[in-house]
Amino acid sequence: MARIKHGTLVANTPTQVDVGQGINTVEVTIVSNPAPIYFRVDGINPVIEGDDCQVVPAGVGASLGVATPATPDTRLISAGTPKYCVRGL
């Protein structure tokens, strides 16, 4: 079952967010305290400005949806402390 998760990132610390299995897309949105969010959906910890990472640009309401593998494992990181919303679709 897909889920919607909310939280606040700790600067420079990878965070795992479980939005469930059997989904096709993960969407990451910045809710407040805008700072870019780098993320991966393959279980590998993202790196700030790292290769192979998706990025949601800084800005309240900025979002990005990406296709997921069969068993998504979403992980986020930021240099700041943005509040986020992650949805499994």
PDB file of N, CA and C in Angstrom:
ATOM      1  N   MET A   1       0.837  -1.182   0.000  1.00  0.00           N
ATOM      2  CA  MET A   1       0.000   0.000   0.000  1.00  0.00           C
ATOM      3  C   MET A   1       0.878   1.241   0.000  1.00  0.00           C
ATOM      4  N   ALA A   2       0.595   2.164  -0.892  1.00  0.00           N
ATOM      5  CA  ALA A   2       1.352   3.412  -0.972  1.00  0.00           C
ATOM      6  C   ALA A   2       1.031   4.300   0.219  1.00  0.00           C
ATOM      7  N   ARG A   3       2.017   5.082   0.606  1.00  0.00           N
ATOM      8  CA  ARG A   3       1.859   5.954   1.759  1.00  0.00           C
ATOM      9  C   ARG A   3       2.363   7.352   1.437  1.00  0.00           C
ATOM     10  N   ILE A   4       2.005   8.296   2.286  1.00  0.00           N
ATOM     11  CA  ILE A   4       2.526   9.653   2.234  1.00  0.00           C
ATOM     12  C   ILE A   4       3.240   9.889   3.552  1.00  0.00           C
ATOM     13  N   LYS A   5       4.504  10.322   3.471  1.00  0.00           N
ATOM     14  CA  LYS A   5       5.308  10.540   4.673  1.00  0.00           C
ATOM     15  C   LYS A   5       5.792  11.988   4.716  1.00  0.00           C
ATOM     16  N   HIS A   6       5.813  12.558   5.912  1.00  0.00           N
ATOM     17  CA  HIS A   6       6.286  13.922   6.130  1.00  0.00           C
ATOM     18  C   HIS A   6       7.411  13.889   7.158  1.00  0.00           C
ATOM     19  N   GLY A   7       8.328  14.833   7.052  1.00  0.00           N
ATOM     20  CA  GLY A   7       9.408  14.912   8.026  1.00  0.00           C
ATOM     21  C   GLY A   7      10.284  16.117   7.768  1.00  0.00           C
ATOM     22  N   THR A   8      11.326  16.228   8.560  1.00  0.00           N
ATOM     23  CA  THR A   8      12.323  17.289   8.433  1.00  0.00           C
ATOM     24  C   THR A   8      13.689  16.634   8.347  1.00  0.00           C
ATOM     25  N   LEU A   9      14.455  17.005   7.337  1.00  0.00           N
ATOM     26  CA  LEU A   9      15.790  16.435   7.200  1.00  0.00           C
ATOM     27  C   LEU A   9      16.757  17.064   8.191  1.00  0.00           C
ATOM     28  N   VAL A  10      17.702  16.273   8.650  1.00  0.00           N
ATOM     29  CA  VAL A  10      18.818  16.739   9.462  1.00  0.00           C
ATOM     30  C   VAL A  10      19.942  17.019   8.472  1.00  0.00           C
ATOM     31  N   ALA A  11      20.540  18.185   8.548  1.00  0.00           N
ATOM     32  CA  ALA A  11      21.568  18.587   7.584  1.00  0.00           C
ATOM     33  C   ALA A  11      22.664  17.523   7.458  1.00  0.00           C
ATOM     34  N   ASN A  12      22.992  17.202   6.197  1.00  0.00           N
ATOM     35  CA  ASN A  12      24.100  16.303   5.852  1.00  0.00           C
ATOM     36  C   ASN A  12      23.940  14.868   6.358  1.00  0.00           C
ATOM     37  N   THR A  13      22.689  14.455   6.624  1.00  0.00           N
ATOM     38  CA  THR A  13      22.421  13.127   7.158  1.00  0.00           C
ATOM     39  C   THR A  13      21.417  12.395   6.273  1.00  0.00           C
ATOM     40  N   PRO A  14      21.788  11.257   5.674  1.00  0.00           N
ATOM     41  CA  PRO A  14      20.832  10.512   4.851  1.00  0.00           C
ATOM     42  C   PRO A  14      19.641  10.037   5.691  1.00  0.00           C
ATOM     43  N   THR A  15      18.462  10.087   5.093  1.00  0.00           N
ATOM     44  CA  THR A  15      17.231   9.667   5.756  1.00  0.00           C
ATOM     45  C   THR A  15      16.489   8.697   4.850  1.00  0.00           C
ATOM     46  N   GLN A  16      16.105   7.553   5.391  1.00  0.00           N
ATOM     47  CA  GLN A  16      15.327   6.575   4.644  1.00  0.00           C
ATOM     48  C   GLN A  16      13.846   6.830   4.892  1.00  0.00           C
ATOM     49  N   VAL A  17      13.048   6.817   3.806  1.00  0.00           N
ATOM     50  CA  VAL A  17      11.615   7.067   3.901  1.00  0.00           C
ATOM     51  C   VAL A  17      10.883   5.908   3.225  1.00  0.00           C
ATOM     52  N   ASP A  18      10.071   5.178   3.992  1.00  0.00           N
ATOM     53  CA  ASP A  18       9.345   4.022   3.467  1.00  0.00           C
ATOM     54  C   ASP A  18       7.937   4.443   3.043  1.00  0.00           C
ATOM     55  N   VAL A  19       7.703   4.437   1.732  1.00  0.00           N
ATOM     56  CA  VAL A  19       6.366   4.769   1.217  1.00  0.00           C
ATOM     57  C   VAL A  19       5.647   3.528   0.705  1.00  0.00           C
ATOM     58  N   GLY A  20       6.146   2.357   1.043  1.00  0.00           N
ATOM     59  CA  GLY A  20       5.469   1.121   0.694  1.00  0.00           C
ATOM     60  C   GLY A  20       6.009   0.460  -0.556  1.00  0.00           C
ATOM     61  N   GLN A  21       5.448  -0.694  -0.849  1.00  0.00           N
ATOM     62  CA  GLN A  21       5.856  -1.495  -2.004  1.00  0.00           C
ATOM     63  C   GLN A  21       4.764  -1.447  -3.062  1.00  0.00           C
ATOM     64  N   GLY A  22       5.088  -1.903  -4.246  1.00  0.00           N
ATOM     65  CA  GLY A  22       4.104  -1.987  -5.309  1.00  0.00           C
ATOM     66  C   GLY A  22       3.687  -0.644  -5.881  1.00  0.00           C
ATOM     67  N   ILE A  23       4.566   0.345  -5.806  1.00  0.00           N
ATOM     68  CA  ILE A  23       4.267   1.658  -6.364  1.00  0.00           C
ATOM     69  C   ILE A  23       5.094   1.858  -7.630  1.00  0.00           C
ATOM     70  N   ASN A  24       4.688   2.797  -8.452  1.00  0.00           N
ATOM     71  CA  ASN A  24       5.394   3.052  -9.707  1.00  0.00           C
ATOM     72  C   ASN A  24       6.253   4.309  -9.666  1.00  0.00           C
ATOM     73  N   THR A  25       5.887   5.245  -8.788  1.00  0.00           N
ATOM     74  CA  THR A  25       6.552   6.549  -8.748  1.00  0.00           C
ATOM     75  C   THR A  25       6.700   7.020  -7.312  1.00  0.00           C
ATOM     76  N   VAL A  26       7.823   7.657  -7.021  1.00  0.00           N
ATOM     77  CA  VAL A  26       8.021   8.361  -5.756  1.00  0.00           C
ATOM     78  C   VAL A  26       8.121   9.842  -6.088  1.00  0.00           C
ATOM     79  N   GLU A  27       7.362  10.656  -5.357  1.00  0.00           N
ATOM     80  CA  GLU A  27       7.393  12.106  -5.550  1.00  0.00           C
ATOM     81  C   GLU A  27       7.880  12.761  -4.260  1.00  0.00           C
ATOM     82  N   VAL A  28       8.925  13.596  -4.372  1.00  0.00           N
ATOM     83  CA  VAL A  28       9.489  14.312  -3.224  1.00  0.00           C
ATOM     84  C   VAL A  28       9.171  15.791  -3.395  1.00  0.00           C
ATOM     85  N   THR A  29       8.600  16.406  -2.333  1.00  0.00           N
ATOM     86  CA  THR A  29       8.212  17.821  -2.356  1.00  0.00           C
ATOM     87  C   THR A  29       8.830  18.537  -1.170  1.00  0.00           C
ATOM     88  N   ILE A  30       9.326  19.756  -1.398  1.00  0.00           N
ATOM     89  CA  ILE A  30       9.823  20.606  -0.310  1.00  0.00           C
ATOM     90  C   ILE A  30       8.638  21.383   0.243  1.00  0.00           C
ATOM     91  N   VAL A  31       8.380  21.236   1.549  1.00  0.00           N
ATOM     92  CA  VAL A  31       7.230  21.866   2.187  1.00  0.00           C
ATOM     93  C   VAL A  31       7.600  23.219   2.796  1.00  0.00           C
ATOM     94  N   SER A  32       8.773  23.318   3.430  1.00  0.00           N
ATOM     95  CA  SER A  32       9.249  24.593   3.986  1.00  0.00           C
ATOM     96  C   SER A  32      10.750  24.506   4.223  1.00  0.00           C
ATOM     97  N   ASN A  33      11.359  25.598   4.656  1.00  0.00           N
ATOM     98  CA  ASN A  33      12.809  25.694   4.861  1.00  0.00           C
ATOM     99  C   ASN A  33      13.554  25.268   3.594  1.00  0.00           C
ATOM    100  N   PRO A  34      13.302  25.946   2.482  1.00  0.00           N
ATOM    101  CA  PRO A  34      13.814  25.458   1.202  1.00  0.00           C
ATOM    102  C   PRO A  34      15.335  25.316   1.145  1.00  0.00           C
ATOM    103  N   ALA A  35      15.736  24.138   0.768  1.00  0.00           N
ATOM    104  CA  ALA A  35      17.130  23.785   0.451  1.00  0.00           C
ATOM    105  C   ALA A  35      17.020  22.599  -0.497  1.00  0.00           C
ATOM    106  N   PRO A  36      17.920  22.473  -1.459  1.00  0.00           N
ATOM    107  CA  PRO A  36      17.818  21.341  -2.377  1.00  0.00           C
ATOM    108  C   PRO A  36      17.810  20.009  -1.622  1.00  0.00           C
ATOM    109  N   ILE A  37      16.997  19.070  -2.122  1.00  0.00           N
ATOM    110  CA  ILE A  37      16.964  17.714  -1.585  1.00  0.00           C
ATOM    111  C   ILE A  37      17.465  16.779  -2.687  1.00  0.00           C
ATOM    112  N   TYR A  38      18.482  16.006  -2.369  1.00  0.00           N
ATOM    113  CA  TYR A  38      19.006  14.983  -3.270  1.00  0.00           C
ATOM    114  C   TYR A  38      18.430  13.645  -2.817  1.00  0.00           C
ATOM    115  N   PHE A  39      18.040  12.798  -3.770  1.00  0.00           N
ATOM    116  CA  PHE A  39      17.456  11.526  -3.367  1.00  0.00           C
ATOM    117  C   PHE A  39      17.707  10.427  -4.382  1.00  0.00           C
ATOM    118  N   ARG A  40      17.563   9.201  -3.874  1.00  0.00           N
ATOM    119  CA  ARG A  40      17.650   7.989  -4.694  1.00  0.00           C
ATOM    120  C   ARG A  40      16.525   7.067  -4.257  1.00  0.00           C
ATOM    121  N   VAL A  41      16.100   6.177  -5.159  1.00  0.00           N
ATOM    122  CA  VAL A  41      15.028   5.237  -4.841  1.00  0.00           C
ATOM    123  C   VAL A  41      15.504   3.788  -4.916  1.00  0.00           C
ATOM    124  N   ASP A  42      16.818   3.589  -4.993  1.00  0.00           N
ATOM    125  CA  ASP A  42      17.386   2.256  -5.175  1.00  0.00           C
ATOM    126  C   ASP A  42      18.105   1.710  -3.944  1.00  0.00           C
ATOM    127  N   GLY A  43      17.901   2.342  -2.783  1.00  0.00           N
ATOM    128  CA  GLY A  43      18.498   1.855  -1.548  1.00  0.00           C
ATOM    129  C   GLY A  43      19.916   2.310  -1.293  1.00  0.00           C
ATOM    130  N   ILE A  44      20.462   3.099  -2.181  1.00  0.00           N
ATOM    131  CA  ILE A  44      21.811   3.630  -1.999  1.00  0.00           C
ATOM    132  C   ILE A  44      21.696   5.026  -1.398  1.00  0.00           C
ATOM    133  N   ASN A  45      22.510   5.320  -0.384  1.00  0.00           N
ATOM    134  CA  ASN A  45      22.462   6.650   0.217  1.00  0.00           C
ATOM    135  C   ASN A  45      22.869   7.706  -0.802  1.00  0.00           C
ATOM    136  N   PRO A  46      22.071   8.767  -0.933  1.00  0.00           N
ATOM    137  CA  PRO A  46      22.429   9.850  -1.839  1.00  0.00           C
ATOM    138  C   PRO A  46      23.556  10.690  -1.250  1.00  0.00           C
ATOM    139  N   VAL A  47      24.204  11.450  -2.132  1.00  0.00           N
ATOM    140  CA  VAL A  47      25.268  12.355  -1.727  1.00  0.00           C
ATOM    141  C   VAL A  47      24.885  13.749  -2.228  1.00  0.00           C
ATOM    142  N   ILE A  48      25.128  14.763  -1.430  1.00  0.00           N
ATOM    143  CA  ILE A  48      24.831  16.129  -1.843  1.00  0.00           C
ATOM    144  C   ILE A  48      25.636  16.449  -3.100  1.00  0.00           C
ATOM    145  N   GLU A  49      24.938  16.859  -4.137  1.00  0.00           N
ATOM    146  CA  GLU A  49      25.509  17.137  -5.457  1.00  0.00           C
ATOM    147  C   GLU A  49      26.184  15.914  -6.057  1.00  0.00           C
ATOM    148  N   GLY A  50      25.733  14.714  -5.646  1.00  0.00           N
ATOM    149  CA  GLY A  50      26.355  13.482  -6.103  1.00  0.00           C
ATOM    150  C   GLY A  50      25.833  12.977  -7.436  1.00  0.00           C
ATOM    151  N   ASP A  51      26.675  12.222  -8.109  1.00  0.00           N
ATOM    152  CA  ASP A  51      26.276  11.573  -9.351  1.00  0.00           C
ATOM    153  C   ASP A  51      25.159  10.575  -9.067  1.00  0.00           C
ATOM    154  N   ASP A  52      24.308  10.359 -10.059  1.00  0.00           N
ATOM    155  CA  ASP A  52      23.216   9.387 -10.009  1.00  0.00           C
ATOM    156  C   ASP A  52      22.151   9.717  -8.964  1.00  0.00           C
ATOM    157  N   CYS A  53      22.125  10.958  -8.459  1.00  0.00           N
ATOM    158  CA  CYS A  53      21.104  11.390  -7.511  1.00  0.00           C
ATOM    159  C   CYS A  53      20.107  12.304  -8.221  1.00  0.00           C
ATOM    160  N   GLN A  54      18.847  12.141  -7.891  1.00  0.00           N
ATOM    161  CA  GLN A  54      17.828  13.083  -8.339  1.00  0.00           C
ATOM    162  C   GLN A  54      17.903  14.297  -7.424  1.00  0.00           C
ATOM    163  N   VAL A  55      17.448  15.459  -7.900  1.00  0.00           N
ATOM    164  CA  VAL A  55      17.473  16.650  -7.046  1.00  0.00           C
ATOM    165  C   VAL A  55      16.179  17.441  -7.197  1.00  0.00           C
ATOM    166  N   VAL A  56      15.631  17.825  -6.039  1.00  0.00           N
ATOM    167  CA  VAL A  56      14.511  18.756  -5.999  1.00  0.00           C
ATOM    168  C   VAL A  56      15.134  20.115  -5.719  1.00  0.00           C
ATOM    169  N   PRO A  57      15.026  21.088  -6.650  1.00  0.00           N
ATOM    170  CA  PRO A  57      15.663  22.376  -6.434  1.00  0.00           C
ATOM    171  C   PRO A  57      15.030  23.129  -5.265  1.00  0.00           C
ATOM    172  N   ALA A  58      15.825  23.967  -4.612  1.00  0.00           N
ATOM    173  CA  ALA A  58      15.338  24.730  -3.461  1.00  0.00           C
ATOM    174  C   ALA A  58      14.132  25.568  -3.852  1.00  0.00           C
ATOM    175  N   GLY A  59      13.116  25.562  -3.028  1.00  0.00           N
ATOM    176  CA  GLY A  59      11.915  26.345  -3.249  1.00  0.00           C
ATOM    177  C   GLY A  59      10.725  25.655  -2.625  1.00  0.00           C
ATOM    178  N   VAL A  60       9.968  26.390  -1.842  1.00  0.00           N
ATOM    179  CA  VAL A  60       8.773  25.814  -1.231  1.00  0.00           C
ATOM    180  C   VAL A  60       7.820  25.398  -2.340  1.00  0.00           C
ATOM    181  N   GLY A  61       7.376  24.167  -2.289  1.00  0.00           N
ATOM    182  CA  GLY A  61       6.471  23.624  -3.297  1.00  0.00           C
ATOM    183  C   GLY A  61       7.176  22.944  -4.453  1.00  0.00           C
ATOM    184  N   ALA A  62       8.509  23.055  -4.516  1.00  0.00           N
ATOM    185  CA  ALA A  62       9.241  22.370  -5.583  1.00  0.00           C
ATOM    186  C   ALA A  62       9.109  20.866  -5.370  1.00  0.00           C
ATOM    187  N   SER A  63       8.917  20.128  -6.460  1.00  0.00           N
ATOM    188  CA  SER A  63       8.785  18.685  -6.330  1.00  0.00           C
ATOM    189  C   SER A  63       9.334  17.985  -7.560  1.00  0.00           C
ATOM    190  N   LEU A  64       9.586  16.691  -7.398  1.00  0.00           N
ATOM    191  CA  LEU A  64      10.062  15.864  -8.496  1.00  0.00           C
ATOM    192  C   LEU A  64       9.566  14.452  -8.267  1.00  0.00           C
ATOM    193  N   GLY A  65       8.992  13.866  -9.303  1.00  0.00           N
ATOM    194  CA  GLY A  65       8.562  12.478  -9.256  1.00  0.00           C
ATOM    195  C   GLY A  65       9.442  11.647 -10.163  1.00  0.00           C
ATOM    196  N   VAL A  66       9.816  10.451  -9.715  1.00  0.00           N
ATOM    197  CA  VAL A  66      10.647   9.550 -10.519  1.00  0.00           C
ATOM    198  C   VAL A  66      10.074   8.140 -10.452  1.00  0.00           C
ATOM    199  N   ALA A  67      10.295   7.387 -11.523  1.00  0.00           N
ATOM    200  CA  ALA A  67       9.895   5.987 -11.559  1.00  0.00           C
ATOM    201  C   ALA A  67      10.725   5.204 -10.552  1.00  0.00           C
ATOM    202  N   THR A  68      10.126   4.160  -9.988  1.00  0.00           N
ATOM    203  CA  THR A  68      10.812   3.367  -8.970  1.00  0.00           C
ATOM    204  C   THR A  68      11.096   1.954  -9.471  1.00  0.00           C
ATOM    205  N   PRO A  69      12.094   1.302  -8.856  1.00  0.00           N
ATOM    206  CA  PRO A  69      12.283  -0.119  -9.135  1.00  0.00           C
ATOM    207  C   PRO A  69      11.155  -0.914  -8.468  1.00  0.00           C
ATOM    208  N   ALA A  70      11.115  -2.200  -8.686  1.00  0.00           N
ATOM    209  CA  ALA A  70      10.050  -3.038  -8.137  1.00  0.00           C
ATOM    210  C   ALA A  70       9.962  -2.943  -6.609  1.00  0.00           C
ATOM    211  N   THR A  71      11.097  -2.815  -5.953  1.00  0.00           N
ATOM    212  CA  THR A  71      11.121  -2.689  -4.496  1.00  0.00           C
ATOM    213  C   THR A  71      11.808  -1.376  -4.143  1.00  0.00           C
ATOM    214  N   PRO A  72      11.044  -0.268  -4.101  1.00  0.00           N
ATOM    215  CA  PRO A  72      11.677   1.026  -3.858  1.00  0.00           C
ATOM    216  C   PRO A  72      12.215   1.159  -2.435  1.00  0.00           C
ATOM    217  N   ASP A  73      13.340   1.831  -2.334  1.00  0.00           N
ATOM    218  CA  ASP A  73      13.965   2.156  -1.050  1.00  0.00           C
ATOM    219  C   ASP A  73      14.428   3.599  -1.191  1.00  0.00           C
ATOM    220  N   THR A  74      13.611   4.527  -0.730  1.00  0.00           N
ATOM    221  CA  THR A  74      13.839   5.951  -0.945  1.00  0.00           C
ATOM    222  C   THR A  74      14.696   6.534   0.165  1.00  0.00           C
ATOM    223  N   ARG A  75      15.743   7.274  -0.242  1.00  0.00           N
ATOM    224  CA  ARG A  75      16.647   7.904   0.722  1.00  0.00           C
ATOM    225  C   ARG A  75      16.908   9.340   0.278  1.00  0.00           C
ATOM    226  N   LEU A  76      16.883  10.265   1.248  1.00  0.00           N
ATOM    227  CA  LEU A  76      17.016  11.698   1.000  1.00  0.00           C
ATOM    228  C   LEU A  76      18.212  12.258   1.760  1.00  0.00           C
ATOM    229  N   ILE A  77      18.741  13.385   1.255  1.00  0.00           N
ATOM    230  CA  ILE A  77      19.772  14.125   1.985  1.00  0.00           C
ATOM    231  C   ILE A  77      19.717  15.586   1.533  1.00  0.00           C
ATOM    232  N   SER A  78      20.128  16.490   2.409  1.00  0.00           N
ATOM    233  CA  SER A  78      20.201  17.915   2.090  1.00  0.00           C
ATOM    234  C   SER A  78      21.282  18.553   2.956  1.00  0.00           C
ATOM    235  N   ALA A  79      21.848  19.643   2.469  1.00  0.00           N
ATOM    236  CA  ALA A  79      22.794  20.406   3.284  1.00  0.00           C
ATOM    237  C   ALA A  79      22.044  21.265   4.292  1.00  0.00           C
ATOM    238  N   GLY A  80      20.753  21.479   4.053  1.00  0.00           N
ATOM    239  CA  GLY A  80      19.913  22.267   4.956  1.00  0.00           C
ATOM    240  C   GLY A  80      18.985  21.375   5.755  1.00  0.00           C
ATOM    241  N   THR A  81      17.909  21.983   6.245  1.00  0.00           N
ATOM    242  CA  THR A  81      16.930  21.250   7.060  1.00  0.00           C
ATOM    243  C   THR A  81      15.514  21.441   6.505  1.00  0.00           C
ATOM    244  N   PRO A  82      15.302  21.116   5.219  1.00  0.00           N
ATOM    245  CA  PRO A  82      13.971  21.307   4.663  1.00  0.00           C
ATOM    246  C   PRO A  82      12.954  20.303   5.226  1.00  0.00           C
ATOM    247  N   LYS A  83      11.725  20.770   5.344  1.00  0.00           N
ATOM    248  CA  LYS A  83      10.617  19.872   5.638  1.00  0.00           C
ATOM    249  C   LYS A  83      10.184  19.287   4.298  1.00  0.00           C
ATOM    250  N   TYR A  84       9.860  17.998   4.295  1.00  0.00           N
ATOM    251  CA  TYR A  84       9.553  17.320   3.042  1.00  0.00           C
ATOM    252  C   TYR A  84       8.254  16.537   3.131  1.00  0.00           C
ATOM    253  N   CYS A  85       7.745  16.191   1.968  1.00  0.00           N
ATOM    254  CA  CYS A  85       6.635  15.256   1.813  1.00  0.00           C
ATOM    255  C   CYS A  85       7.074  14.272   0.730  1.00  0.00           C
ATOM    256  N   VAL A  86       6.977  12.975   1.023  1.00  0.00           N
ATOM    257  CA  VAL A  86       7.295  11.937   0.038  1.00  0.00           C
ATOM    258  C   VAL A  86       6.022  11.116  -0.168  1.00  0.00           C
ATOM    259  N   ARG A  87       5.625  11.001  -1.439  1.00  0.00           N
ATOM    260  CA  ARG A  87       4.419  10.232  -1.769  1.00  0.00           C
ATOM    261  C   ARG A  87       4.783   9.073  -2.674  1.00  0.00           C
ATOM    262  N   GLY A  88       4.202   7.928  -2.376  1.00  0.00           N
ATOM    263  CA  GLY A  88       4.287   6.792  -3.277  1.00  0.00           C
ATOM    264  C   GLY A  88       3.047   6.809  -4.151  1.00  0.00           C
ATOM    265  N   LEU A  89       3.226   6.758  -5.446  1.00  0.00           N
ATOM    266  CA  LEU A  89       2.098   6.831  -6.381  1.00  0.00           C
ATOM    267  C   LEU A  89       2.013   5.568  -7.221  1.00  0.00           C
TER     268      LEU A  89
END
